[in-house]
Structure formats: C-alpha cells, structure tokens
C-alpha cells in the first residue's frame, strides 16, 4: 500500500545535528510503503556541507527506490547554502 511520509527538517542541518536525522531518513526510504516523501524545510536556519550532503544522500536513495521526493517551502537560508555549494539543482531547487 502506497503512502506519503512527511518530515519536518529542524532549524539546524549541521554536522553536529545530522546523526539522528540520518537515521530517520534511512527509516523513511527503507519503509517500502512510502512512495512519496515531503520535506518541510521552512524552519531551516543553518545548513553546512554535511547537512547538504545528507539531503543529497536522501535524494539519491529516494530516487534509487523510486520514491518521489518533494520540498515544501525550503527556507532561503537552505536554498542559499545549497546554491553556494553547487547543490541546488541536485537537490531539486529550481
């Protein structure tokens, strides 16, 4: 049975904060019932290279498992961090 999973990204996507987020992302993509993941990203105020890499790893894992990934209101700070690192297009920010 297909379902949509929603995930609220925290204020901080930095190396100090990503370990529990990584585990939650693994559960999202490993759940075979999920066919769509919506990331709510309006609260993100800080994102470093490790945080952007984690988001990219989720994008890749979702694609490999044929899970649609959508962004809901990515914050300007998240968009800027992704753009500075050359990852905006890879994350699906247009």
N, C-alpha and C. Protein backbone atom coordinates (compact mmCIF):
# COMPACT_ATOMS: atom_id res chain seq x y z
N UNK A 1 0.84 -1.17 0.00
CA UNK A 1 0.00 0.00 0.00
C UNK A 1 0.89 1.24 0.00
N UNK A 2 0.69 2.12 -0.95
CA UNK A 2 1.49 3.33 -1.08
C UNK A 2 1.04 4.39 -0.08
N UNK A 3 2.03 5.13 0.41
CA UNK A 3 1.71 6.20 1.34
C UNK A 3 2.71 7.34 1.20
N UNK A 4 2.32 8.49 1.69
CA UNK A 4 3.18 9.66 1.71
C UNK A 4 3.70 9.85 3.12
N UNK A 5 5.01 10.04 3.24
CA UNK A 5 5.63 10.33 4.53
C UNK A 5 6.02 11.80 4.53
N UNK A 6 5.79 12.47 5.63
CA UNK A 6 6.17 13.87 5.75
C UNK A 6 7.21 14.00 6.85
N UNK A 7 8.20 14.87 6.61
CA UNK A 7 9.28 15.05 7.57
C UNK A 7 9.57 16.53 7.71
N UNK A 8 9.58 17.01 8.94
CA UNK A 8 9.88 18.40 9.26
C UNK A 8 11.37 18.53 9.56
N UNK A 9 12.08 19.23 8.69
CA UNK A 9 13.50 19.43 8.92
C UNK A 9 13.69 20.40 10.08
N UNK A 10 14.73 20.17 10.88
CA UNK A 10 14.98 21.04 12.04
C UNK A 10 15.61 22.36 11.62
N UNK A 11 15.78 23.23 12.58
CA UNK A 11 16.39 24.54 12.35
C UNK A 11 17.85 24.42 11.91
N UNK A 12 18.54 23.41 12.42
CA UNK A 12 19.96 23.26 12.16
C UNK A 12 20.26 21.95 11.42
N UNK A 13 20.83 22.08 10.24
CA UNK A 13 21.31 20.94 9.46
C UNK A 13 22.82 21.06 9.37
N UNK A 14 23.47 20.82 10.51
CA UNK A 14 24.92 20.94 10.58
C UNK A 14 25.50 19.62 11.05
N UNK A 15 26.82 19.49 10.92
CA UNK A 15 27.50 18.25 11.28
C UNK A 15 27.16 17.82 12.71
N UNK A 16 26.97 18.78 13.59
CA UNK A 16 26.68 18.45 14.99
C UNK A 16 25.28 17.88 15.19
N UNK A 17 24.40 18.09 14.23
CA UNK A 17 23.00 17.72 14.42
C UNK A 17 22.48 16.64 13.49
N UNK A 18 23.30 16.16 12.56
CA UNK A 18 22.72 15.32 11.50
C UNK A 18 22.62 13.83 11.81
N UNK A 19 23.32 13.34 12.81
CA UNK A 19 23.28 11.89 13.05
C UNK A 19 21.86 11.37 13.26
N UNK A 20 21.06 11.94 14.15
CA UNK A 20 19.68 11.42 14.30
C UNK A 20 18.83 11.64 13.05
N UNK A 21 19.10 12.70 12.32
CA UNK A 21 18.35 12.96 11.09
C UNK A 21 18.68 11.88 10.06
N UNK A 22 19.93 11.51 9.97
CA UNK A 22 20.36 10.45 9.05
C UNK A 22 19.60 9.16 9.35
N UNK A 23 19.50 8.80 10.60
CA UNK A 23 18.78 7.58 10.97
C UNK A 23 17.30 7.66 10.58
N UNK A 24 16.71 8.82 10.77
CA UNK A 24 15.30 8.99 10.39
C UNK A 24 15.12 8.92 8.88
N UNK A 25 16.06 9.50 8.14
CA UNK A 25 16.00 9.42 6.68
C UNK A 25 16.10 7.97 6.22
N UNK A 26 16.98 7.20 6.84
CA UNK A 26 17.11 5.78 6.48
C UNK A 26 15.78 5.05 6.68
N UNK A 27 15.12 5.33 7.77
CA UNK A 27 13.82 4.69 8.01
C UNK A 27 12.80 5.10 6.95
N UNK A 28 12.82 6.36 6.56
CA UNK A 28 11.88 6.83 5.54
C UNK A 28 12.05 6.08 4.22
N UNK A 29 13.29 5.94 3.77
CA UNK A 29 13.50 5.29 2.47
C UNK A 29 13.45 3.77 2.56
N UNK A 30 13.68 3.22 3.74
CA UNK A 30 13.61 1.77 3.90
C UNK A 30 12.17 1.26 4.06
N UNK A 31 11.25 2.16 4.41
CA UNK A 31 9.85 1.77 4.57
C UNK A 31 9.25 1.57 3.17
N UNK A 32 9.01 0.32 2.82
CA UNK A 32 8.54 0.00 1.47
C UNK A 32 7.14 0.53 1.17
N UNK A 33 6.41 0.95 2.19
CA UNK A 33 5.09 1.52 1.96
C UNK A 33 5.18 2.95 1.43
N UNK A 34 6.30 3.62 1.69
CA UNK A 34 6.44 5.01 1.25
C UNK A 34 6.72 5.09 -0.24
N UNK A 35 5.89 5.85 -0.93
CA UNK A 35 6.16 6.12 -2.34
C UNK A 35 6.35 7.60 -2.60
N UNK A 36 6.21 8.40 -1.54
CA UNK A 36 6.36 9.85 -1.65
C UNK A 36 6.84 10.38 -0.30
N UNK A 37 7.86 11.22 -0.33
CA UNK A 37 8.35 11.87 0.88
C UNK A 37 8.27 13.38 0.66
N UNK A 38 7.67 14.06 1.61
CA UNK A 38 7.60 15.52 1.57
C UNK A 38 8.47 16.06 2.69
N UNK A 39 9.45 16.89 2.32
CA UNK A 39 10.32 17.51 3.31
C UNK A 39 9.83 18.94 3.55
N UNK A 40 9.44 19.22 4.78
CA UNK A 40 9.05 20.57 5.18
C UNK A 40 10.32 21.26 5.65
N UNK A 41 10.72 22.32 4.97
CA UNK A 41 12.05 22.89 5.21
C UNK A 41 12.03 24.39 5.54
N UNK A 42 10.90 24.92 5.91
CA UNK A 42 10.82 26.36 6.18
C UNK A 42 11.56 26.76 7.45
N UNK A 43 11.78 25.84 8.38
CA UNK A 43 12.42 26.18 9.65
C UNK A 43 13.94 26.19 9.60
N UNK A 44 14.52 25.68 8.52
CA UNK A 44 15.98 25.56 8.45
C UNK A 44 16.63 26.95 8.44
N UNK A 45 17.48 27.18 9.42
CA UNK A 45 18.20 28.46 9.54
C UNK A 45 19.70 28.30 9.34
N UNK A 46 20.21 27.07 9.50
CA UNK A 46 21.63 26.80 9.32
C UNK A 46 21.80 25.47 8.59
N UNK A 47 22.66 25.48 7.60
CA UNK A 47 22.98 24.24 6.88
C UNK A 47 24.44 24.33 6.44
N UNK A 48 25.21 23.32 6.81
CA UNK A 48 26.61 23.29 6.38
C UNK A 48 26.77 22.20 5.33
N UNK A 49 28.01 21.97 4.95
CA UNK A 49 28.30 20.98 3.91
C UNK A 49 27.76 19.60 4.28
N UNK A 50 27.95 19.19 5.54
CA UNK A 50 27.47 17.88 5.97
C UNK A 50 25.95 17.79 5.87
N UNK A 51 25.25 18.85 6.22
CA UNK A 51 23.79 18.86 6.12
C UNK A 51 23.31 18.75 4.69
N UNK A 52 23.97 19.49 3.79
CA UNK A 52 23.60 19.45 2.38
C UNK A 52 23.92 18.07 1.80
N UNK A 53 25.05 17.49 2.21
CA UNK A 53 25.39 16.14 1.75
C UNK A 53 24.35 15.12 2.21
N UNK A 54 23.88 15.27 3.42
CA UNK A 54 22.85 14.37 3.93
C UNK A 54 21.57 14.49 3.11
N UNK A 55 21.18 15.70 2.79
CA UNK A 55 19.98 15.88 1.97
C UNK A 55 20.17 15.26 0.59
N UNK A 56 21.36 15.43 0.03
CA UNK A 56 21.63 14.84 -1.28
C UNK A 56 21.60 13.31 -1.21
N UNK A 57 22.13 12.75 -0.14
CA UNK A 57 22.08 11.29 0.03
C UNK A 57 20.63 10.81 0.08
N UNK A 58 19.76 11.59 0.72
CA UNK A 58 18.34 11.23 0.75
C UNK A 58 17.74 11.30 -0.65
N UNK A 59 18.07 12.34 -1.40
CA UNK A 59 17.56 12.48 -2.77
C UNK A 59 17.96 11.27 -3.60
N UNK A 60 19.23 10.87 -3.51
CA UNK A 60 19.73 9.73 -4.28
C UNK A 60 19.06 8.43 -3.84
N UNK A 61 18.96 8.22 -2.53
CA UNK A 61 18.33 6.98 -2.02
C UNK A 61 16.87 6.91 -2.42
N UNK A 62 16.17 8.03 -2.37
CA UNK A 62 14.76 8.04 -2.77
C UNK A 62 14.62 7.70 -4.25
N UNK A 63 15.48 8.28 -5.06
CA UNK A 63 15.44 8.00 -6.50
C UNK A 63 15.70 6.53 -6.78
N UNK A 64 16.70 5.96 -6.11
CA UNK A 64 17.02 4.54 -6.30
C UNK A 64 15.85 3.64 -5.94
N UNK A 65 15.07 4.04 -4.97
CA UNK A 65 13.94 3.24 -4.51
C UNK A 65 12.62 3.66 -5.15
N UNK A 66 12.72 4.56 -6.15
CA UNK A 66 11.56 5.05 -6.89
C UNK A 66 10.54 5.71 -5.96
N UNK A 67 11.06 6.50 -5.03
CA UNK A 67 10.23 7.29 -4.12
C UNK A 67 10.30 8.74 -4.59
N UNK A 68 9.14 9.36 -4.78
CA UNK A 68 9.09 10.76 -5.15
C UNK A 68 9.43 11.60 -3.92
N UNK A 69 10.29 12.59 -4.10
CA UNK A 69 10.65 13.48 -3.01
C UNK A 69 10.25 14.89 -3.38
N UNK A 70 9.54 15.55 -2.48
CA UNK A 70 9.07 16.91 -2.73
C UNK A 70 9.51 17.82 -1.59
N UNK A 71 9.73 19.08 -1.92
CA UNK A 71 10.10 20.09 -0.95
C UNK A 71 8.90 20.97 -0.67
N UNK A 72 8.67 21.25 0.60
CA UNK A 72 7.63 22.19 1.00
C UNK A 72 8.32 23.39 1.65
N UNK A 73 8.30 24.49 0.97
CA UNK A 73 8.81 25.77 1.48
C UNK A 73 10.24 25.72 2.01
N UNK A 74 11.21 25.32 1.18
CA UNK A 74 12.59 25.36 1.67
C UNK A 74 12.97 26.81 2.01
N UNK A 75 13.57 27.00 3.16
CA UNK A 75 13.93 28.34 3.60
C UNK A 75 14.97 28.95 2.68
N UNK A 76 15.04 30.27 2.69
CA UNK A 76 16.02 30.97 1.88
C UNK A 76 17.44 30.60 2.32
N UNK A 77 17.65 30.39 3.61
CA UNK A 77 18.98 30.02 4.10
C UNK A 77 19.39 28.65 3.57
N UNK A 78 18.45 27.71 3.50
CA UNK A 78 18.75 26.39 2.96
C UNK A 78 19.04 26.49 1.47
N UNK A 79 18.23 27.23 0.76
CA UNK A 79 18.45 27.42 -0.69
C UNK A 79 19.82 28.06 -0.95
N UNK A 80 20.17 29.06 -0.16
CA UNK A 80 21.44 29.75 -0.34
C UNK A 80 22.61 28.81 -0.07
N UNK A 81 22.54 28.04 1.02
CA UNK A 81 23.61 27.09 1.34
C UNK A 81 23.79 26.08 0.21
N UNK A 82 22.69 25.57 -0.31
CA UNK A 82 22.76 24.60 -1.41
C UNK A 82 23.35 25.25 -2.66
N UNK A 83 22.97 26.48 -2.92
CA UNK A 83 23.47 27.18 -4.10
C UNK A 83 24.97 27.45 -3.98
N UNK A 84 25.42 27.91 -2.81
CA UNK A 84 26.83 28.20 -2.60
C UNK A 84 27.67 26.94 -2.81
N UNK A 85 27.14 25.79 -2.41
CA UNK A 85 27.86 24.53 -2.54
C UNK A 85 27.66 23.87 -3.92
N UNK A 86 26.91 24.52 -4.79
CA UNK A 86 26.68 23.98 -6.12
C UNK A 86 25.73 22.79 -6.14
N UNK A 87 24.87 22.69 -5.12
CA UNK A 87 24.00 21.52 -4.99
C UNK A 87 22.51 21.83 -5.18
N UNK A 88 22.17 23.08 -5.44
CA UNK A 88 20.75 23.44 -5.54
C UNK A 88 20.01 22.61 -6.58
N UNK A 89 20.59 22.45 -7.76
CA UNK A 89 19.96 21.66 -8.81
C UNK A 89 19.87 20.19 -8.45
N UNK A 90 20.91 19.68 -7.80
CA UNK A 90 20.93 18.27 -7.40
C UNK A 90 19.87 17.96 -6.34
N UNK A 91 19.54 18.98 -5.53
CA UNK A 91 18.51 18.78 -4.51
C UNK A 91 17.11 19.01 -5.06
N UNK A 92 17.03 19.55 -6.25
CA UNK A 92 15.71 19.80 -6.85
C UNK A 92 15.18 21.19 -6.58
N UNK A 93 16.08 22.12 -6.19
CA UNK A 93 15.67 23.52 -6.02
C UNK A 93 15.82 24.20 -7.37
N UNK A 94 14.74 24.74 -7.88
CA UNK A 94 14.80 25.40 -9.20
C UNK A 94 14.43 26.85 -9.08
